[in-house]
Amino acid sequence: MKEDANILSGRREFLFLYDIKMGNPNGDPDENRPRVLPDGTHYVTDVRLKRFIRDFLKNRGQDILVDNIEGRTTNLTGRVVDYLQKHNQKEANAEDLVRILLNAFIDARLFGSSFAFKAEEVKGESSRKAKWEPIPKTMTGAVQLNMGEVLHQAEEVDIHGTSIFASGAEKTQGTFTTYFGLRYALIGFSGVANEHSAKISLLSDDDYDLFLKAMWHGVRSAGNTRTKVGQIPHFLISIEYKKGEEFQFGRLHDYTKLQAVNEKPEKVWASPGDYKVDLSTLIERLNGQKGRIEKIRYDKSSDIQFIQDVPANWVCLDVENLKTENPK
């Protein structure tokens, strides 16, 4: 992120739909089964989607603060020292420390962080020692995600296989393996990017656009793991409010309904060909607040089916185009 980058120019709200087939979108901490509420609704945590996003951004060359293990941070002290050396600075005050980190890590600008410095002192070029105490020590990110939900009843399956771990050239005995997943699931996530928080976390319009692309491509890139190989992004909409509007709907996936094709039961759905997406409630809500909305951008896969046509005034998001990524 550049120091003079434009801060997010207004409130944003987004809805994202993706699916998975014969896989586990988010295992529970006990048996690694798909997470499910008491009423049978399967869900995916915001932490899981953020991991997809961070991994994609990292693979595209972005520096990531929360890396490898959930909740683990890099050596922030070393990162700041490196920055100061590259910019010929001998020291930094508490606010400077946070600005350095925000400019370094896009996920801190997006999701916030606990700036957990090691309990150590750092020597600068002078003989003085300075303790590193960032202000603030924690920061709420501009982008907040709801928990994701499977938008229909889904069938849990136990998937069995056989693995061979050879300890010698002649050993060929196999080991049975089992993992848990869903026959098919369409998952809905929604969230908000707040312009007031963006002023503090330095989130820019370019950062937000890169976040949308990272969300889309991140769930698909997660296919390098066995339980996530069947994930495909299908629909993404970004509602961009006029500057100064203090409004948001919240939980946009509640306005998204599914209708079976050929009256096929939800639990036996196996692909987007088994249902159509009904956006009528969402479109009605958006039309009711059109005076607050600057523009609506969207993108969709060729597989997803809608009951009604997408409104003509919605603009193509062109989420597949990665050539316009903002530089670090």
C-alpha atoms as a PDB file:
ATOM      1  CA  MET A   1       0.000   0.000   0.000  1.00  0.00           C
ATOM      2  CA  LYS A   2       1.289   3.473  -0.842  1.00  0.00           C
ATOM      3  CA  GLU A   3       1.334   6.188   1.773  1.00  0.00           C
ATOM      4  CA  ASP A   4      -0.816   8.500  -0.391  1.00  0.00           C
ATOM      5  CA  ALA A   5      -3.363   5.836  -1.379  1.00  0.00           C
ATOM      6  CA  ASN A   6      -6.973   6.963  -1.202  1.00  0.00           C
ATOM      7  CA  ILE A   7      -8.784   5.740   1.894  1.00  0.00           C
ATOM      8  CA  LEU A   8     -12.000   3.793   1.262  1.00  0.00           C
ATOM      9  CA  SER A   9     -14.326   6.409  -0.201  1.00  0.00           C
ATOM     10  CA  GLY A  10     -17.610   5.093   1.203  1.00  0.00           C
ATOM     11  CA  ARG A  11     -19.305   2.167   2.858  1.00  0.00           C
ATOM     12  CA  ARG A  12     -19.287  -1.150   1.030  1.00  0.00           C
ATOM     13  CA  GLU A  13     -21.405  -4.240   1.498  1.00  0.00           C
ATOM     14  CA  PHE A  14     -20.900  -7.574  -0.221  1.00  0.00           C
ATOM     15  CA  LEU A  15     -22.463 -10.998  -0.779  1.00  0.00           C
ATOM     16  CA  PHE A  16     -20.457 -14.025  -1.888  1.00  0.00           C
ATOM     17  CA  LEU A  17     -21.712 -17.475  -2.894  1.00  0.00           C
ATOM     18  CA  TYR A  18     -19.517 -20.507  -3.548  1.00  0.00           C
ATOM     19  CA  ASP A  19     -20.084 -24.242  -3.477  1.00  0.00           C
ATOM     20  CA  ILE A  20     -18.319 -27.446  -2.557  1.00  0.00           C
ATOM     21  CA  LYS A  21     -18.957 -31.018  -3.668  1.00  0.00           C
ATOM     22  CA  MET A  22     -17.880 -34.117  -1.731  1.00  0.00           C
ATOM     23  CA  GLY A  23     -15.711 -32.040   0.570  1.00  0.00           C
ATOM     24  CA  ASN A  24     -15.585 -30.403   3.986  1.00  0.00           C
ATOM     25  CA  PRO A  25     -15.864 -26.597   3.861  1.00  0.00           C
ATOM     26  CA  ASN A  26     -14.854 -26.141   7.517  1.00  0.00           C
ATOM     27  CA  GLY A  27     -14.154 -28.985   9.931  1.00  0.00           C
ATOM     28  CA  ASP A  28     -15.045 -28.796  13.616  1.00  0.00           C
ATOM     29  CA  PRO A  29     -12.224 -28.963  16.203  1.00  0.00           C
ATOM     30  CA  ASP A  30     -13.263 -32.396  17.543  1.00  0.00           C
ATOM     31  CA  GLU A  31     -13.709 -34.918  14.724  1.00  0.00           C
ATOM     32  CA  ASN A  32     -13.129 -32.551  11.783  1.00  0.00           C
ATOM     33  CA  ARG A  33     -16.721 -33.065  10.662  1.00  0.00           C
ATOM     34  CA  PRO A  34     -18.564 -30.264   8.828  1.00  0.00           C
ATOM     35  CA  ARG A  35     -19.693 -27.670  11.354  1.00  0.00           C
ATOM     36  CA  VAL A  36     -23.437 -27.752  12.060  1.00  0.00           C
ATOM     37  CA  LEU A  37     -25.899 -25.861  14.268  1.00  0.00           C
ATOM     38  CA  PRO A  38     -28.510 -27.652  16.430  1.00  0.00           C
ATOM     39  CA  ASP A  39     -31.190 -26.974  13.792  1.00  0.00           C
ATOM     40  CA  GLY A  40     -29.153 -28.796  11.132  1.00  0.00           C
ATOM     41  CA  THR A  41     -27.792 -25.699   9.370  1.00  0.00           C
ATOM     42  CA  HIS A  42     -24.181 -26.179   8.314  1.00  0.00           C
ATOM     43  CA  TYR A  43     -21.899 -23.181   8.641  1.00  0.00           C
ATOM     44  CA  VAL A  44     -18.407 -21.917   7.852  1.00  0.00           C
ATOM     45  CA  THR A  45     -16.506 -19.557  10.151  1.00  0.00           C
ATOM     46  CA  ASP A  46     -15.243 -16.159   9.053  1.00  0.00           C
ATOM     47  CA  VAL A  47     -11.763 -17.331  10.125  1.00  0.00           C
ATOM     48  CA  ARG A  48     -11.873 -20.051   7.456  1.00  0.00           C
ATOM     49  CA  LEU A  49     -12.726 -17.599   4.662  1.00  0.00           C
ATOM     50  CA  LYS A  50     -10.066 -15.137   5.890  1.00  0.00           C
ATOM     51  CA  ARG A  51      -7.509 -17.953   5.672  1.00  0.00           C
ATOM     52  CA  PHE A  52      -8.432 -18.554   2.018  1.00  0.00           C
ATOM     53  CA  ILE A  53      -8.049 -14.825   1.362  1.00  0.00           C
ATOM     54  CA  ARG A  54      -4.711 -14.524   3.172  1.00  0.00           C
ATOM     55  CA  ASP A  55      -3.272 -17.573   1.417  1.00  0.00           C
ATOM     56  CA  PHE A  56      -4.236 -16.209  -1.987  1.00  0.00           C
ATOM     57  CA  LEU A  57      -2.792 -12.763  -1.243  1.00  0.00           C
ATOM     58  CA  LYS A  58       0.431 -14.340  -0.002  1.00  0.00           C
ATOM     59  CA  ASN A  59       0.721 -16.434  -3.166  1.00  0.00           C
ATOM     60  CA  ARG A  60       0.334 -13.220  -5.196  1.00  0.00           C
ATOM     61  CA  GLY A  61       3.285 -11.625  -3.408  1.00  0.00           C
ATOM     62  CA  GLN A  62       1.516  -9.666  -0.684  1.00  0.00           C
ATOM     63  CA  ASP A  63       3.027  -9.601   2.814  1.00  0.00           C
ATOM     64  CA  ILE A  64       0.706 -11.231   5.354  1.00  0.00           C
ATOM     65  CA  LEU A  65       0.659 -10.541   9.086  1.00  0.00           C
ATOM     66  CA  VAL A  66      -1.322 -13.606  10.253  1.00  0.00           C
ATOM     67  CA  ASP A  67       0.520 -16.390   8.510  1.00  0.00           C
ATOM     68  CA  ASN A  68       0.598 -20.202   8.472  1.00  0.00           C
ATOM     69  CA  ILE A  69      -1.262 -20.877  11.744  1.00  0.00           C
ATOM     70  CA  GLU A  70      -4.529 -19.239  12.791  1.00  0.00           C
ATOM     71  CA  GLY A  71      -3.891 -16.473  15.305  1.00  0.00           C
ATOM     72  CA  ARG A  72      -0.098 -16.592  14.943  1.00  0.00           C
ATOM     73  CA  THR A  73       1.719 -13.379  14.024  1.00  0.00           C
ATOM     74  CA  THR A  74       5.103 -12.812  12.480  1.00  0.00           C
ATOM     75  CA  ASN A  75       8.000 -11.232  14.364  1.00  0.00           C
ATOM     76  CA  LEU A  76       6.688  -7.675  14.336  1.00  0.00           C
ATOM     77  CA  THR A  77       9.767  -6.249  16.000  1.00  0.00           C
ATOM     78  CA  GLY A  78      11.977  -7.529  13.227  1.00  0.00           C
ATOM     79  CA  ARG A  79       9.577  -6.239  10.601  1.00  0.00           C
ATOM     80  CA  VAL A  80       9.639  -2.713  12.017  1.00  0.00           C
ATOM     81  CA  VAL A  81      13.415  -2.701  12.431  1.00  0.00           C
ATOM     82  CA  ASP A  82      13.812  -3.768   8.800  1.00  0.00           C
ATOM     83  CA  TYR A  83      11.463  -0.992   7.679  1.00  0.00           C
ATOM     84  CA  LEU A  84      13.325   1.670   9.666  1.00  0.00           C
ATOM     85  CA  GLN A  85      16.657   0.558   8.257  1.00  0.00           C
ATOM     86  CA  LYS A  86      15.383   0.649   4.678  1.00  0.00           C
ATOM     87  CA  HIS A  87      14.017   4.177   5.230  1.00  0.00           C
ATOM     88  CA  ASN A  88      17.014   5.460   7.170  1.00  0.00           C
ATOM     89  CA  GLN A  89      14.963   6.094  10.305  1.00  0.00           C
ATOM     90  CA  LYS A  90      16.637   5.742  13.705  1.00  0.00           C
ATOM     91  CA  GLU A  91      13.460   5.446  15.737  1.00  0.00           C
ATOM     92  CA  ALA A  92       9.665   5.487  15.571  1.00  0.00           C
ATOM     93  CA  ASN A  93       7.038   6.629  18.032  1.00  0.00           C
ATOM     94  CA  ALA A  94       4.027   4.544  19.070  1.00  0.00           C
ATOM     95  CA  GLU A  95       1.755   5.766  16.264  1.00  0.00           C
ATOM     96  CA  ASP A  96       4.525   5.358  13.663  1.00  0.00           C
ATOM     97  CA  LEU A  97       4.875   1.696  14.598  1.00  0.00           C
ATOM     98  CA  VAL A  98       1.262   0.983  13.759  1.00  0.00           C
ATOM     99  CA  ARG A  99       1.440   2.940  10.480  1.00  0.00           C
ATOM    100  CA  ILE A 100       4.525   0.947   9.462  1.00  0.00           C
ATOM    101  CA  LEU A 101       2.699  -2.327  10.085  1.00  0.00           C
ATOM    102  CA  LEU A 102      -0.462  -1.220   8.302  1.00  0.00           C
ATOM    103  CA  ASN A 103       1.499  -0.178   5.249  1.00  0.00           C
ATOM    104  CA  ALA A 104       3.368  -3.490   5.320  1.00  0.00           C
ATOM    105  CA  PHE A 105       0.494  -5.964   5.751  1.00  0.00           C
ATOM    106  CA  ILE A 106      -2.697  -5.866   3.689  1.00  0.00           C
ATOM    107  CA  ASP A 107      -4.510  -8.309   5.991  1.00  0.00           C
ATOM    108  CA  ALA A 108      -3.974  -5.906   8.912  1.00  0.00           C
ATOM    109  CA  ARG A 109      -5.616  -3.147   6.865  1.00  0.00           C
ATOM    110  CA  LEU A 110      -8.494  -5.483   5.983  1.00  0.00           C
ATOM    111  CA  PHE A 111      -9.176  -7.426   9.174  1.00  0.00           C
ATOM    112  CA  GLY A 112      -7.252  -5.643  11.921  1.00  0.00           C
ATOM    113  CA  SER A 113      -4.890  -7.338  14.327  1.00  0.00           C
ATOM    114  CA  SER A 114      -3.380  -7.563  17.750  1.00  0.00           C
ATOM    115  CA  PHE A 115       0.022  -5.952  17.339  1.00  0.00           C
ATOM    116  CA  ALA A 116       1.839  -8.431  19.568  1.00  0.00           C
ATOM    117  CA  PHE A 117       5.465  -7.347  19.789  1.00  0.00           C
ATOM    118  CA  LYS A 118       7.965  -9.628  21.437  1.00  0.00           C
ATOM    119  CA  ALA A 119       9.010  -8.658  24.947  1.00  0.00           C
ATOM    120  CA  GLU A 120      12.418  -7.433  23.839  1.00  0.00           C
ATOM    121  CA  GLU A 121      14.309  -4.218  23.348  1.00  0.00           C
ATOM    122  CA  VAL A 122      15.761  -3.147  20.048  1.00  0.00           C
ATOM    123  CA  LYS A 123      19.014  -1.247  19.620  1.00  0.00           C
ATOM    124  CA  GLY A 124      19.059   1.436  16.999  1.00  0.00           C
ATOM    125  CA  GLU A 125      22.116   3.102  15.532  1.00  0.00           C
ATOM    126  CA  SER A 126      22.478   5.068  18.730  1.00  0.00           C
ATOM    127  CA  SER A 127      23.408   3.464  22.023  1.00  0.00           C
ATOM    128  CA  ARG A 128      19.933   4.164  23.389  1.00  0.00           C
ATOM    129  CA  LYS A 129      17.473   1.329  23.723  1.00  0.00           C
ATOM    130  CA  ALA A 130      13.810   1.795  22.908  1.00  0.00           C
ATOM    131  CA  LYS A 131      10.896  -0.396  23.895  1.00  0.00           C
ATOM    132  CA  TRP A 132       8.391  -1.028  21.128  1.00  0.00           C
ATOM    133  CA  GLU A 133       4.894  -0.159  22.340  1.00  0.00           C
ATOM    134  CA  PRO A 134       2.481   0.363  19.423  1.00  0.00           C
ATOM    135  CA  ILE A 135      -0.613   2.540  19.841  1.00  0.00           C
ATOM    136  CA  PRO A 136      -3.181   1.157  19.526  1.00  0.00           C
ATOM    137  CA  LYS A 137      -2.104  -2.357  20.572  1.00  0.00           C
ATOM    138  CA  THR A 138      -5.154  -3.879  18.882  1.00  0.00           C
ATOM    139  CA  MET A 139      -7.124  -2.671  15.891  1.00  0.00           C
ATOM    140  CA  THR A 140     -10.535  -3.554  14.492  1.00  0.00           C
ATOM    141  CA  GLY A 141     -10.373  -4.104  10.754  1.00  0.00           C
ATOM    142  CA  ALA A 142     -12.458  -2.184   8.256  1.00  0.00           C
ATOM    143  CA  VAL A 143     -13.825  -5.431   6.775  1.00  0.00           C
ATOM    144  CA  GLN A 144     -16.157  -7.485   8.959  1.00  0.00           C
ATOM    145  CA  LEU A 145     -17.569 -10.844   7.823  1.00  0.00           C
ATOM    146  CA  ASN A 146     -20.660 -12.678   9.018  1.00  0.00           C
ATOM    147  CA  MET A 147     -20.451 -16.396   9.596  1.00  0.00           C
ATOM    148  CA  GLY A 148     -21.074 -18.244   6.358  1.00  0.00           C
ATOM    149  CA  GLU A 149     -24.073 -20.552   6.044  1.00  0.00           C
ATOM    150  CA  VAL A 150     -25.056 -23.379   3.727  1.00  0.00           C
ATOM    151  CA  LEU A 151     -28.211 -21.977   2.100  1.00  0.00           C
ATOM    152  CA  HIS A 152     -30.092 -25.300   1.954  1.00  0.00           C
ATOM    153  CA  GLN A 153     -30.279 -28.662   3.670  1.00  0.00           C
ATOM    154  CA  ALA A 154     -27.100 -30.628   2.988  1.00  0.00           C
ATOM    155  CA  GLU A 155     -26.296 -34.322   3.303  1.00  0.00           C
ATOM    156  CA  GLU A 156     -23.275 -35.317   5.390  1.00  0.00           C
ATOM    157  CA  VAL A 157     -21.152 -38.136   3.971  1.00  0.00           C
ATOM    158  CA  ASP A 158     -18.238 -40.253   5.225  1.00  0.00           C
ATOM    159  CA  ILE A 159     -15.682 -40.577   2.452  1.00  0.00           C
ATOM    160  CA  HIS A 160     -13.480 -43.678   2.639  1.00  0.00           C
ATOM    161  CA  GLY A 161     -10.191 -44.360   0.935  1.00  0.00           C
ATOM    162  CA  THR A 162      -6.982 -46.352   1.134  1.00  0.00           C
ATOM    163  CA  SER A 163      -3.450 -45.034   1.589  1.00  0.00           C
ATOM    164  CA  ILE A 164      -0.149 -46.900   1.324  1.00  0.00           C
ATOM    165  CA  PHE A 165       2.820 -45.764   3.389  1.00  0.00           C
ATOM    166  CA  ALA A 166       5.793 -47.839   2.292  1.00  0.00           C
ATOM    167  CA  SER A 167       8.572 -48.400   4.832  1.00  0.00           C
ATOM    168  CA  GLY A 168      10.400 -50.746   2.519  1.00  0.00           C
ATOM    169  CA  ALA A 169      10.526 -51.602  -1.159  1.00  0.00           C
ATOM    170  CA  GLU A 170       8.347 -54.696  -0.711  1.00  0.00           C
ATOM    171  CA  LYS A 171       5.762 -53.259   1.733  1.00  0.00           C
ATOM    172  CA  THR A 172       2.440 -52.643  -0.003  1.00  0.00           C
ATOM    173  CA  GLN A 173      -0.148 -53.048   2.763  1.00  0.00           C
ATOM    174  CA  GLY A 174      -2.712 -50.249   2.683  1.00  0.00           C
ATOM    175  CA  THR A 175      -4.279 -48.233   5.467  1.00  0.00           C
ATOM    176  CA  PHE A 176      -7.963 -47.298   5.388  1.00  0.00           C
ATOM    177  CA  THR A 177      -8.682 -43.600   5.706  1.00  0.00           C
ATOM    178  CA  THR A 178     -11.909 -41.699   6.324  1.00  0.00           C
ATOM    179  CA  TYR A 179     -12.768 -38.034   6.149  1.00  0.00           C
ATOM    180  CA  PHE A 180     -16.088 -36.283   6.530  1.00  0.00           C
ATOM    181  CA  GLY A 181     -17.768 -33.933   4.117  1.00  0.00           C
ATOM    182  CA  LEU A 182     -20.959 -32.731   2.464  1.00  0.00           C
ATOM    183  CA  ARG A 183     -22.534 -34.262  -0.632  1.00  0.00           C
ATOM    184  CA  TYR A 184     -23.059 -30.753  -1.991  1.00  0.00           C
ATOM    185  CA  ALA A 185     -23.380 -27.301  -0.432  1.00  0.00           C
ATOM    186  CA  LEU A 186     -23.901 -23.745  -1.660  1.00  0.00           C
ATOM    187  CA  ILE A 187     -22.363 -21.431   0.949  1.00  0.00           C
ATOM    188  CA  GLY A 188     -23.278 -17.788   1.469  1.00  0.00           C
ATOM    189  CA  PHE A 189     -21.058 -15.168   3.097  1.00  0.00           C
ATOM    190  CA  SER A 190     -21.794 -11.477   3.548  1.00  0.00           C
ATOM    191  CA  GLY A 191     -20.090  -8.561   5.214  1.00  0.00           C
ATOM    192  CA  VAL A 192     -19.350  -4.846   5.388  1.00  0.00           C
ATOM    193  CA  ALA A 193     -16.358  -2.603   4.763  1.00  0.00           C
ATOM    194  CA  ASN A 194     -16.703   0.440   7.033  1.00  0.00           C
ATOM    195  CA  GLU A 195     -15.247   3.726   5.842  1.00  0.00           C
ATOM    196  CA  HIS A 196     -14.724   5.081   9.378  1.00  0.00           C
ATOM    197  CA  SER A 197     -12.627   2.075  10.411  1.00  0.00           C
ATOM    198  CA  ALA A 198     -10.811   2.355   7.089  1.00  0.00           C
ATOM    199  CA  LYS A 199      -9.481   5.788   8.096  1.00  0.00           C
ATOM    200  CA  ILE A 200      -7.777   4.136  11.064  1.00  0.00           C
ATOM    201  CA  SER A 201      -6.601   0.939   9.336  1.00  0.00           C
ATOM    202  CA  LEU A 202      -5.636   2.833   6.117  1.00  0.00           C
ATOM    203  CA  LEU A 203      -7.770   0.563   3.914  1.00  0.00           C
ATOM    204  CA  SER A 204      -7.979   1.947   0.380  1.00  0.00           C
ATOM    205  CA  ASP A 205     -10.416   1.468  -2.508  1.00  0.00           C
ATOM    206  CA  ASP A 206      -7.697  -0.563  -4.249  1.00  0.00           C
ATOM    207  CA  ASP A 207      -7.330  -2.777  -1.166  1.00  0.00           C
ATOM    208  CA  TYR A 208     -11.071  -3.426  -1.142  1.00  0.00           C
ATOM    209  CA  ASP A 209     -11.106  -4.399  -4.828  1.00  0.00           C
ATOM    210  CA  LEU A 210      -8.178  -6.744  -4.244  1.00  0.00           C
ATOM    211  CA  PHE A 211     -10.051  -8.232  -1.274  1.00  0.00           C
ATOM    212  CA  LEU A 212     -13.031  -9.047  -3.533  1.00  0.00           C
ATOM    213  CA  LYS A 213     -10.773 -10.798  -6.023  1.00  0.00           C
ATOM    214  CA  ALA A 214      -8.916 -12.633  -3.257  1.00  0.00           C
ATOM    215  CA  MET A 215     -12.223 -13.895  -1.854  1.00  0.00           C
ATOM    216  CA  TRP A 216     -13.303 -15.192  -5.274  1.00  0.00           C
ATOM    217  CA  HIS A 217      -9.998 -16.785  -6.230  1.00  0.00           C
ATOM    218  CA  GLY A 218      -9.072 -17.831  -2.692  1.00  0.00           C
ATOM    219  CA  VAL A 219     -11.799 -20.452  -2.289  1.00  0.00           C
ATOM    220  CA  ARG A 220     -10.877 -21.912  -5.675  1.00  0.00           C
ATOM    221  CA  SER A 221      -7.137 -21.890  -4.954  1.00  0.00           C
ATOM    222  CA  ALA A 222      -7.834 -23.872  -1.775  1.00  0.00           C
ATOM    223  CA  GLY A 223      -8.362 -26.901  -4.026  1.00  0.00           C
ATOM    224  CA  ASN A 224      -4.800 -28.025  -3.355  1.00  0.00           C
ATOM    225  CA  THR A 225      -6.100 -29.719  -0.195  1.00  0.00           C
ATOM    226  CA  ARG A 226      -8.081 -32.950  -0.343  1.00  0.00           C
ATOM    227  CA  THR A 227     -11.197 -31.746   1.479  1.00  0.00           C
ATOM    228  CA  LYS A 228     -11.438 -28.412  -0.408  1.00  0.00           C
ATOM    229  CA  VAL A 229     -10.772 -29.596  -3.950  1.00  0.00           C
ATOM    230  CA  GLY A 230     -14.441 -29.255  -4.946  1.00  0.00           C
ATOM    231  CA  GLN A 231     -14.867 -25.525  -4.151  1.00  0.00           C
ATOM    232  CA  ILE A 232     -16.029 -23.165  -6.930  1.00  0.00           C
ATOM    233  CA  PRO A 233     -16.988 -19.458  -6.659  1.00  0.00           C
ATOM    234  CA  HIS A 234     -20.350 -18.646  -8.258  1.00  0.00           C
ATOM    235  CA  PHE A 235     -21.659 -15.182  -7.369  1.00  0.00           C
ATOM    236  CA  LEU A 236     -20.241 -11.981  -5.906  1.00  0.00           C
ATOM    237  CA  ILE A 237     -21.990  -8.635  -5.480  1.00  0.00           C
ATOM    238  CA  SER A 238     -20.565  -5.406  -4.054  1.00  0.00           C
ATOM    239  CA  ILE A 239     -22.963  -2.642  -2.994  1.00  0.00           C
ATOM    240  CA  GLU A 240     -21.167   0.695  -2.887  1.00  0.00           C
ATOM    241  CA  TYR A 241     -22.961   3.429  -0.979  1.00  0.00           C
ATOM    242  CA  LYS A 242     -22.693   7.139  -1.637  1.00  0.00           C
ATOM    243  CA  LYS A 243     -20.135   9.059   0.357  1.00  0.00           C
ATOM    244  CA  GLY A 244     -21.517  10.045   3.755  1.00  0.00           C
ATOM    245  CA  GLU A 245     -24.294   7.437   3.859  1.00  0.00           C
ATOM    246  CA  GLU A 246     -24.510   5.787   7.279  1.00  0.00           C
ATOM    247  CA  PHE A 247     -26.460   2.763   6.090  1.00  0.00           C
ATOM    248  CA  GLN A 248     -26.072  -0.955   5.488  1.00  0.00           C
ATOM    249  CA  PHE A 249     -28.481  -3.883   5.261  1.00  0.00           C
ATOM    250  CA  GLY A 250     -26.379  -6.511   7.007  1.00  0.00           C
ATOM    251  CA  ARG A 251     -26.595 -10.276   6.442  1.00  0.00           C
ATOM    252  CA  LEU A 252     -27.276 -10.070   2.725  1.00  0.00           C
ATOM    253  CA  HIS A 253     -27.300 -13.858   2.427  1.00  0.00           C
ATOM    254  CA  ASP A 254     -30.610 -13.826   4.352  1.00  0.00           C
ATOM    255  CA  TYR A 255     -32.119 -12.188   1.244  1.00  0.00           C
ATOM    256  CA  THR A 256     -30.883 -15.014  -0.990  1.00  0.00           C
ATOM    257  CA  LYS A 257     -33.227 -17.971  -1.537  1.00  0.00           C
ATOM    258  CA  LEU A 258     -32.924 -21.150  -3.582  1.00  0.00           C
ATOM    259  CA  GLN A 259     -35.595 -22.884  -5.626  1.00  0.00           C
ATOM    260  CA  ALA A 260     -35.332 -26.531  -6.636  1.00  0.00           C
ATOM    261  CA  VAL A 261     -35.347 -27.564 -10.284  1.00  0.00           C
ATOM    262  CA  ASN A 262     -37.723 -30.494 -10.985  1.00  0.00           C
ATOM    263  CA  GLU A 263     -38.726 -30.535  -7.285  1.00  0.00           C
ATOM    264  CA  LYS A 264     -35.511 -32.346  -6.394  1.00  0.00           C
ATOM    265  CA  PRO A 265     -35.047 -32.589  -2.571  1.00  0.00           C
ATOM    266  CA  GLU A 266     -32.352 -30.280  -1.218  1.00  0.00           C
ATOM    267  CA  LYS A 267     -30.299 -33.048   0.385  1.00  0.00           C
ATOM    268  CA  VAL A 268     -29.754 -34.793  -2.948  1.00  0.00           C
ATOM    269  CA  TRP A 269     -28.641 -31.693  -4.815  1.00  0.00           C
ATOM    270  CA  ALA A 270     -25.305 -32.331  -6.499  1.00  0.00           C
ATOM    271  CA  SER A 271     -24.616 -29.231  -8.606  1.00  0.00           C
ATOM    272  CA  PRO A 272     -25.920 -25.733  -9.526  1.00  0.00           C
ATOM    273  CA  GLY A 273     -28.068 -27.471 -12.136  1.00  0.00           C
ATOM    274  CA  ASP A 274     -30.360 -28.720  -9.351  1.00  0.00           C
ATOM    275  CA  TYR A 275     -31.587 -25.272  -8.241  1.00  0.00           C
ATOM    276  CA  LYS A 276     -32.015 -21.636  -9.195  1.00  0.00           C
ATOM    277  CA  VAL A 277     -31.061 -18.629  -7.080  1.00  0.00           C
ATOM    278  CA  ASP A 278     -33.915 -16.263  -6.216  1.00  0.00           C
ATOM    279  CA  LEU A 279     -32.631 -12.681  -5.781  1.00  0.00           C
ATOM    280  CA  SER A 280     -36.076 -11.070  -5.753  1.00  0.00           C
ATOM    281  CA  THR A 281     -35.988 -10.085  -2.064  1.00  0.00           C
ATOM    282  CA  LEU A 282     -32.456  -8.702  -2.402  1.00  0.00           C
ATOM    283  CA  ILE A 283     -33.351  -6.698  -5.505  1.00  0.00           C
ATOM    284  CA  GLU A 284     -36.483  -5.347  -3.784  1.00  0.00           C
ATOM    285  CA  ARG A 285     -34.429  -4.217  -0.773  1.00  0.00           C
ATOM    286  CA  LEU A 286     -31.813  -2.575  -3.002  1.00  0.00           C
ATOM    287  CA  ASN A 287     -34.435  -0.742  -5.048  1.00  0.00           C
ATOM    288  CA  GLY A 288     -35.946   0.572  -1.818  1.00  0.00           C
ATOM    289  CA  GLN A 289     -32.618   2.206  -0.905  1.00  0.00           C
ATOM    290  CA  LYS A 290     -31.420   3.175  -4.378  1.00  0.00           C
ATOM    291  CA  GLY A 291     -31.068   6.827  -3.351  1.00  0.00           C
ATOM    292  CA  ARG A 292     -28.265   5.812  -0.970  1.00  0.00           C
ATOM    293  CA  ILE A 293     -26.406   3.619  -3.464  1.00  0.00           C
ATOM    294  CA  GLU A 294     -23.688   4.894  -5.784  1.00  0.00           C
ATOM    295  CA  LYS A 295     -23.357   1.681  -7.802  1.00  0.00           C
ATOM    296  CA  ILE A 296     -23.671  -2.082  -7.629  1.00  0.00           C
ATOM    297  CA  ARG A 297     -21.015  -4.335  -9.099  1.00  0.00           C
ATOM    298  CA  TYR A 298     -21.274  -8.096  -9.543  1.00  0.00           C
ATOM    299  CA  ASP A 299     -19.799 -11.158 -11.185  1.00  0.00           C
ATOM    300  CA  LYS A 300     -21.033 -14.714 -11.604  1.00  0.00           C
ATOM    301  CA  SER A 301     -19.952 -18.084 -12.906  1.00  0.00           C
ATOM    302  CA  SER A 302     -21.439 -19.555 -16.064  1.00  0.00           C
ATOM    303  CA  ASP A 303     -22.960 -22.417 -14.033  1.00  0.00           C
ATOM    304  CA  ILE A 304     -25.164 -20.504 -11.602  1.00  0.00           C
ATOM    305  CA  GLN A 305     -28.836 -20.070 -12.573  1.00  0.00           C
ATOM    306  CA  PHE A 306     -31.089 -17.187 -11.511  1.00  0.00           C
ATOM    307  CA  ILE A 307     -34.861 -17.048 -11.459  1.00  0.00           C
ATOM    308  CA  GLN A 308     -34.843 -13.438 -12.632  1.00  0.00           C
ATOM    309  CA  ASP A 309     -32.463 -11.455 -14.835  1.00  0.00           C
ATOM    310  CA  VAL A 310     -29.704  -9.480 -13.147  1.00  0.00           C
ATOM    311  CA  PRO A 311     -30.744  -5.768 -13.215  1.00  0.00           C
ATOM    312  CA  ALA A 312     -29.341  -3.888 -16.197  1.00  0.00           C
ATOM    313  CA  ASN A 313     -27.823  -1.141 -14.017  1.00  0.00           C
ATOM    314  CA  TRP A 314     -25.538  -3.567 -12.177  1.00  0.00           C
ATOM    315  CA  VAL A 315     -21.947  -3.216 -13.427  1.00  0.00           C
ATOM    316  CA  CYS A 316     -19.626  -6.137 -14.214  1.00  0.00           C
ATOM    317  CA  LEU A 317     -16.985  -6.549 -11.516  1.00  0.00           C
ATOM    318  CA  ASP A 318     -14.588  -8.450 -13.819  1.00  0.00           C
ATOM    319  CA  VAL A 319     -13.327 -10.428 -10.838  1.00  0.00           C
ATOM    320  CA  GLU A 320     -11.395 -12.891 -13.003  1.00  0.00           C
ATOM    321  CA  ASN A 321      -9.055 -10.125 -14.166  1.00  0.00           C
ATOM    322  CA  LEU A 322      -6.004 -10.065 -11.918  1.00  0.00           C
ATOM    323  CA  LYS A 323      -3.912  -7.750 -14.073  1.00  0.00           C
ATOM    324  CA  THR A 324      -5.062  -4.626 -12.201  1.00  0.00           C
ATOM    325  CA  GLU A 325      -3.828  -5.650  -8.754  1.00  0.00           C
ATOM    326  CA  ASN A 326      -2.517  -2.768  -6.707  1.00  0.00           C
ATOM    327  CA  PRO A 327       1.193  -2.884  -5.843  1.00  0.00           C
ATOM    328  CA  LYS A 328       2.410  -3.437  -2.299  1.00  0.00           C
END
